[in-house]
Protein backbone atom coordinates (compact mmCIF):
# COMPACT_ATOMS: atom_id res chain seq x y z
CA LEU A 1 0.00 0.00 0.00
CA ASN A 2 1.36 3.41 -0.98
CA ALA A 3 -0.31 6.56 0.32
CA SER A 4 1.01 10.01 -0.47
CA GLY A 5 -0.21 13.43 0.55
CA ASN A 6 2.94 15.54 0.34
CA ALA A 7 1.18 18.80 1.23
CA GLY A 8 -1.57 17.11 3.24
CA SER A 9 -2.01 14.34 5.73
CA VAL A 10 -2.57 10.60 6.00
CA ARG A 11 -4.58 9.20 8.88
CA LEU A 12 -4.93 5.51 9.74
CA LEU A 13 -7.99 5.26 11.98
CA SER A 14 -7.72 1.60 12.92
CA ALA A 15 -5.34 -1.32 12.81
CA VAL A 16 -3.85 -2.05 9.37
CA GLY A 17 -2.96 -5.51 8.13
CA ASN A 18 -4.58 -7.50 10.94
CA ALA A 19 -7.14 -9.50 8.91
CA THR A 20 -5.09 -9.57 5.70
CA THR A 21 -1.44 -8.72 6.14
CA LEU A 22 -0.05 -6.20 3.65
CA ALA A 23 3.16 -6.92 1.75
CA ASN A 24 4.65 -3.42 2.22
CA LEU A 25 3.49 0.01 3.38
CA THR A 26 4.80 3.42 2.31
CA LEU A 27 3.30 6.59 3.77
CA ASN A 28 4.51 9.99 2.58
CA ALA A 29 2.75 13.14 3.84
CA ARG A 30 3.33 16.34 5.76
CA THR A 31 1.57 14.70 8.76
CA ILE A 32 0.82 11.05 9.46
CA ALA A 33 -1.59 10.03 12.24
CA LEU A 34 -1.40 6.42 13.42
CA ASP A 35 -4.63 6.18 15.42
CA GLY A 36 -4.97 2.39 15.27
CA SER A 37 -2.96 0.12 17.53
CA ASN A 38 -1.11 -2.00 14.95
CA VAL A 39 0.36 -1.82 11.47
CA THR A 40 1.36 -5.24 10.14
CA THR A 41 3.25 -6.09 6.94
CA THR A 42 5.21 -9.11 5.79
CA GLY A 43 7.78 -6.78 4.21
CA ASN A 44 8.90 -3.21 4.76
CA GLN A 45 7.24 -0.11 6.19
CA SER A 46 8.44 3.40 5.34
CA TYR A 47 7.20 6.65 6.88
CA THR A 48 8.07 10.12 5.59
CA GLY A 49 6.47 12.98 7.50
CA ALA A 50 5.66 14.09 11.05
CA ILE A 51 4.06 11.09 12.76
CA THR A 52 1.66 11.26 15.71
CA LEU A 53 0.61 8.18 17.67
CA GLY A 54 -3.07 8.23 18.64
CA ALA A 55 -2.83 4.93 20.53
CA GLY A 56 -0.22 2.51 21.79
CA THR A 57 1.28 1.38 18.48
CA THR A 58 3.09 -1.75 17.31
CA LEU A 59 4.66 -1.70 13.84
CA THR A 60 5.32 -5.24 12.59
CA GLY A 61 7.42 -5.75 9.47
CA SER A 62 10.81 -6.84 8.16
CA ASN A 63 12.19 -3.29 8.23
CA VAL A 64 10.39 -0.26 9.67
CA THR A 65 11.93 3.03 8.54
CA THR A 66 11.32 6.66 9.41
CA THR A 67 13.17 8.89 6.96
CA SER A 68 15.39 11.81 7.91
CA GLY A 69 13.42 14.48 9.76
CA SER A 70 10.33 12.28 10.13
CA THR A 71 9.61 12.82 13.81
CA ILE A 72 7.38 10.66 15.99
CA ALA A 73 5.27 12.42 18.63
CA GLY A 74 4.01 9.74 21.00
CA ALA A 75 1.25 11.76 22.68
CA GLY A 76 1.83 9.62 25.78
CA ASN A 77 1.46 6.30 23.91
CA SER A 78 3.82 3.33 23.58
CA LEU A 79 5.85 2.47 20.46
CA GLY A 80 6.88 -1.06 19.55
CA VAL A 81 8.65 -2.38 16.48
CA LEU A 82 8.50 -6.12 15.80
CA GLY A 83 11.28 -6.35 13.24
CA ASN A 84 14.24 -4.12 12.39
CA ALA A 85 13.98 -0.36 12.93
CA SER A 86 15.70 2.52 11.17
CA ILE A 87 14.91 5.72 13.05
CA ALA A 88 16.04 8.95 11.39
CA GLY A 89 13.76 11.48 13.10
CA ASP A 90 13.44 12.31 16.79
CA VAL A 91 10.97 10.30 18.89
CA SER A 92 9.37 12.15 21.81
CA ASN A 93 6.64 11.83 24.43
CA VAL A 94 6.24 8.06 24.17
CA THR A 95 5.73 5.91 27.24
CA THR A 96 7.78 2.87 26.24
CA VAL A 97 9.94 1.91 23.26
CA ASN A 98 10.58 -1.73 22.35
CA VAL A 99 12.45 -2.94 19.25
CA SER A 100 12.73 -6.70 18.69
CA GLY A 101 15.25 -6.58 15.84
CA THR A 102 18.23 -4.43 14.94
CA THR A 103 18.08 -0.64 15.26
CA ARG A 104 19.74 1.97 13.06
CA LEU A 105 19.58 5.12 15.16
CA ALA A 106 20.11 8.55 13.59
CA ALA A 107 17.95 10.56 16.01
CA ASN A 108 17.14 11.18 19.66
CA ILE A 109 14.55 9.16 21.59
CA SER A 110 12.81 10.22 24.80
CA SER A 111 10.29 8.26 26.83
CA THR A 112 8.63 8.30 30.23
CA ALA A 113 9.15 4.58 30.89
CA ASN A 114 11.32 1.65 29.78
CA GLN A 115 13.15 1.35 26.48
CA THR A 116 14.38 -2.05 25.24
CA TYR A 117 16.53 -2.73 22.18
CA ALA A 118 16.89 -6.49 21.59
CA GLY A 119 19.08 -6.45 18.48
CA ALA A 120 22.32 -4.73 17.54
CA ILE A 121 22.26 -0.92 17.42
CA THR A 122 24.13 1.02 14.73
CA LEU A 123 24.46 4.78 15.17
CA GLY A 124 23.89 6.81 12.00
CA SER A 125 24.43 10.12 13.84
CA ASP A 126 25.10 11.35 17.35
CA ALA A 127 22.13 10.29 19.49
CA THR A 128 20.61 10.67 22.93
CA VAL A 129 18.34 8.00 24.40
CA LEU A 130 16.49 9.37 27.43
CA THR A 131 13.90 8.02 29.81
CA ASN A 132 12.71 10.16 32.70
CA GLY A 133 10.27 7.86 34.52
CA SER A 134 11.05 7.44 38.23
CA SER A 135 12.27 3.82 37.90
CA SER A 136 12.65 3.51 34.12
CA VAL A 137 15.27 1.31 32.51
CA ILE A 138 17.09 1.58 29.16
CA THR A 139 18.21 -1.91 28.05
CA THR A 140 20.49 -2.83 25.15
CA THR A 141 20.91 -6.59 24.79
CA SER A 142 23.26 -6.67 21.79
CA THR A 143 26.20 -4.68 20.44
CA VAL A 144 26.21 -0.91 19.90
CA ASN A 145 28.46 0.46 17.15
CA SER A 146 28.88 3.48 14.90
CA ASP A 147 28.20 3.22 11.18
CA GLY A 148 31.84 3.70 10.24
CA THR A 149 31.99 7.35 11.33
CA ALA A 150 32.64 7.62 15.07
CA ARG A 151 29.40 8.81 16.76
CA ALA A 152 28.50 10.04 20.24
CA LEU A 153 25.85 8.23 22.29
CA THR A 154 24.20 9.35 25.49
CA LEU A 155 22.08 6.86 27.46
CA ASN A 156 20.26 8.72 30.24
CA ALA A 157 17.80 7.13 32.70
CA SER A 158 17.20 10.30 34.68
CA GLY A 159 14.46 9.04 37.04
CA ALA A 160 15.10 8.75 40.78
CA THR A 161 15.90 5.02 40.53
CA GLY A 162 16.33 4.78 36.76
CA LYS A 163 19.10 2.65 35.32
CA VAL A 164 20.87 1.72 32.11
CA VAL A 165 21.57 -1.96 31.37
CA VAL A 166 24.20 -2.65 28.69
CA ALA A 167 24.40 -6.40 28.05
CA SER A 168 26.96 -6.52 25.23
CA ALA A 169 29.98 -4.78 23.73
CA MET A 170 29.91 -1.13 22.67
CA GLY A 171 32.13 0.13 19.86
CA ASN A 172 33.69 -3.29 19.31
CA SER A 173 33.46 -3.26 15.48
CA ALA A 174 33.04 0.49 14.77
CA ALA A 175 34.20 2.84 17.51
CA LEU A 176 31.99 5.33 19.27
CA ASN A 177 33.34 8.88 19.44
CA GLN A 178 31.92 9.45 22.91
CA LEU A 179 29.77 7.49 25.34
CA ALA A 180 27.87 8.97 28.29
CA ILE A 181 25.77 6.82 30.60
CA ASN A 182 23.77 8.60 33.27
């Protein structure tokens, strides 16, 4: 499914791909509203535009991509990716973030609760990952590397009892320029 509204908007009012899974999904608009809880494809999903989550949202696909500058405003909702994620626009005001596959991160992510990254993370730019919930946890369970250009990464669990859990090597195959864990 391809939907384009370069000067306008695209709004998905309910779950997409639940009854009959789509092969791929490409949305390109000035604004994109994901008001349903799930978007499911067997292949890739690509989002170009300012995205707003109207509900807790799970994006299921081989590769889920937000293009450069395509921000995600969580509006206090959760964001999950079942598959690989390529995030190139800032993510803000989400409760939780969970990615089951690899993550290419070229943006900042802020949440009010836990963030979990199950697969390897590759930095495509300097990035800050922040959670400010009182006991929130940021968890990386695989390697974290730059994309070949040394990048800076800040992992900040700023809540009163927040913590960062790093379960694998960082910068082991492509060095990080700077690492800050708070």
